[in-house]
C-alpha atoms as a PDB file:
ATOM      1  CA  MET A   1       0.000   0.000   0.000  1.00  0.00           C
ATOM      2  CA  ILE A   2       2.806   2.409   0.868  1.00  0.00           C
ATOM      3  CA  ASP A   3       4.545   1.636  -2.428  1.00  0.00           C
ATOM      4  CA  VAL A   4       1.380   2.644  -4.284  1.00  0.00           C
ATOM      5  CA  LEU A   5       1.247   5.950  -2.380  1.00  0.00           C
ATOM      6  CA  ILE A   6       4.917   6.608  -3.136  1.00  0.00           C
ATOM      7  CA  ALA A   7       4.333   5.912  -6.837  1.00  0.00           C
ATOM      8  CA  LEU A   8       1.274   8.185  -6.810  1.00  0.00           C
ATOM      9  CA  ILE A   9       3.223  11.019  -5.165  1.00  0.00           C
ATOM     10  CA  GLN A  10       6.063  10.616  -7.678  1.00  0.00           C
ATOM     11  CA  ALA A  11       3.620  10.669 -10.595  1.00  0.00           C
ATOM     12  CA  LEU A  12       1.757  13.710  -9.272  1.00  0.00           C
ATOM     13  CA  GLY A  13       5.021  15.570  -8.640  1.00  0.00           C
ATOM     14  CA  SER A  14       6.240  14.799 -12.163  1.00  0.00           C
ATOM     15  CA  ILE A  15       2.958  15.897 -13.713  1.00  0.00           C
ATOM     16  CA  LEU A  16       2.954  19.178 -11.761  1.00  0.00           C
ATOM     17  CA  PHE A  17       6.585  19.785 -12.737  1.00  0.00           C
ATOM     18  CA  ILE A  18       5.761  19.292 -16.434  1.00  0.00           C
ATOM     19  CA  VAL A  19       2.618  21.438 -16.243  1.00  0.00           C
ATOM     20  CA  VAL A  20       4.557  24.343 -14.686  1.00  0.00           C
ATOM     21  CA  ILE A  21       7.334  24.103 -17.307  1.00  0.00           C
ATOM     22  CA  VAL A  22       4.860  23.913 -20.202  1.00  0.00           C
ATOM     23  CA  SER A  23       2.890  26.838 -18.786  1.00  0.00           C
ATOM     24  CA  VAL A  24       6.028  28.988 -18.574  1.00  0.00           C
ATOM     25  CA  VAL A  25       7.141  28.091 -22.107  1.00  0.00           C
ATOM     26  CA  LEU A  26       3.682  28.680 -23.593  1.00  0.00           C
ATOM     27  CA  SER A  27       3.443  32.054 -21.869  1.00  0.00           C
ATOM     28  CA  TYR A  28       6.137  33.278 -24.267  1.00  0.00           C
ATOM     29  CA  PHE A  29       4.352  32.122 -27.418  1.00  0.00           C
ATOM     30  CA  MET A  30       0.601  31.938 -26.840  1.00  0.00           C
ATOM     31  CA  SER A  31      -2.046  34.469 -26.093  1.00  0.00           C
ATOM     32  CA  PRO A  32      -3.376  34.245 -22.535  1.00  0.00           C
ATOM     33  CA  TYR A  33      -6.809  33.661 -24.070  1.00  0.00           C
ATOM     34  CA  HIS A  34      -5.793  30.550 -26.007  1.00  0.00           C
ATOM     35  CA  PRO A  35      -7.765  27.557 -24.653  1.00  0.00           C
ATOM     36  CA  ILE A  36      -4.681  25.438 -23.925  1.00  0.00           C
ATOM     37  CA  ARG A  37      -2.874  28.212 -22.114  1.00  0.00           C
ATOM     38  CA  SER A  38      -5.934  29.286 -20.141  1.00  0.00           C
ATOM     39  CA  SER A  39      -6.463  25.672 -19.040  1.00  0.00           C
ATOM     40  CA  LEU A  40      -2.866  25.403 -17.837  1.00  0.00           C
ATOM     41  CA  ASP A  41      -3.120  28.793 -16.133  1.00  0.00           C
ATOM     42  CA  ARG A  42      -6.170  27.585 -14.185  1.00  0.00           C
ATOM     43  CA  ILE A  43      -4.025  24.781 -12.808  1.00  0.00           C
ATOM     44  CA  VAL A  44      -0.788  26.697 -12.187  1.00  0.00           C
ATOM     45  CA  GLU A  45      -1.915  30.194 -11.169  1.00  0.00           C
ATOM     46  CA  PRO A  46      -3.524  29.200  -7.839  1.00  0.00           C
ATOM     47  CA  MET A  47      -0.179  27.691  -6.804  1.00  0.00           C
ATOM     48  CA  LEU A  48       1.825  30.689  -8.053  1.00  0.00           C
ATOM     49  CA  ARG A  49      -0.363  33.388  -6.498  1.00  0.00           C
ATOM     50  CA  PRO A  50       0.785  32.906  -2.864  1.00  0.00           C
ATOM     51  CA  ILE A  51       4.409  32.765  -3.982  1.00  0.00           C
ATOM     52  CA  ARG A  52       4.019  36.015  -5.929  1.00  0.00           C
ATOM     53  CA  ARG A  53       2.669  37.734  -2.821  1.00  0.00           C
ATOM     54  CA  VAL A  54       5.903  36.924  -1.007  1.00  0.00           C
ATOM     55  CA  VAL A  55       8.355  37.184  -3.941  1.00  0.00           C
ATOM     56  CA  PRO A  56       7.171  39.800  -6.444  1.00  0.00           C
ATOM     57  CA  PRO A  57       8.586  39.774  -9.981  1.00  0.00           C
ATOM     58  CA  LEU A  58      11.941  41.525 -10.317  1.00  0.00           C
ATOM     59  CA  GLY A  59      11.492  43.713 -13.367  1.00  0.00           C
ATOM     60  CA  MET A  60      10.654  41.431 -16.278  1.00  0.00           C
ATOM     61  CA  ILE A  61      11.786  38.272 -14.454  1.00  0.00           C
ATOM     62  CA  ASP A  62       9.286  36.230 -12.465  1.00  0.00           C
ATOM     63  CA  PHE A  63      10.966  33.689 -10.193  1.00  0.00           C
ATOM     64  CA  SER A  64       7.699  32.262  -8.840  1.00  0.00           C
ATOM     65  CA  PRO A  65       7.589  29.274 -11.269  1.00  0.00           C
ATOM     66  CA  LEU A  66      11.137  28.330 -10.270  1.00  0.00           C
ATOM     67  CA  ILE A  67      10.231  28.577  -6.586  1.00  0.00           C
ATOM     68  CA  LEU A  68       7.101  26.494  -7.222  1.00  0.00           C
ATOM     69  CA  ILE A  69       9.148  23.775  -8.934  1.00  0.00           C
ATOM     70  CA  ILE A  70      11.574  23.709  -6.005  1.00  0.00           C
ATOM     71  CA  LEU A  71       8.675  23.505  -3.528  1.00  0.00           C
ATOM     72  CA  ILE A  72       7.085  20.656  -5.490  1.00  0.00           C
ATOM     73  CA  GLN A  73      10.372  18.749  -5.409  1.00  0.00           C
ATOM     74  CA  VAL A  74      10.930  19.401  -1.686  1.00  0.00           C
ATOM     75  CA  ILE A  75       7.388  18.392  -0.709  1.00  0.00           C
ATOM     76  CA  GLN A  76       7.579  15.313  -2.915  1.00  0.00           C
ATOM     77  CA  THR A  77      10.889  14.261  -1.340  1.00  0.00           C
ATOM     78  CA  LEU A  78       9.603  14.858   2.210  1.00  0.00           C
ATOM     79  CA  LEU A  79       6.415  12.881   1.647  1.00  0.00           C
ATOM     80  CA  ILE A  80       8.269   9.991   0.044  1.00  0.00           C
ATOM     81  CA  SER A  81      10.813   9.956   2.904  1.00  0.00           C
ATOM     82  CA  ILE A  82       8.048   9.886   5.492  1.00  0.00           C
ATOM     83  CA  LEU A  83       6.219   7.084   3.698  1.00  0.00           C
ATOM     84  CA  ALA A  84       9.425   5.121   3.146  1.00  0.00           C
ATOM     85  CA  SER A  85      10.161   5.270   6.870  1.00  0.00           C
ATOM     86  CA  LEU A  86       6.769   3.677   7.583  1.00  0.00           C
ATOM     87  CA  ARG A  87       7.617   0.492   5.659  1.00  0.00           C
END
């Protein structure tokens, strides 16, 4: 059972990582009103909003996606470590 939870956490972390990266890349090329981009923004923006309140963009550079990716990785690692210790 714990192995299934670990695999689920790894999959969810990987999916979130990919969604954040794709959202950032598409923000350079697509209109914010494009259906694909607006769908990704609905997933990513609620996670970025609290980070942006603490770390505002510096000029034209927004570090919030990078911070979100780091947080996803840290939380994923912590959860997997906790579950692995329960085996």
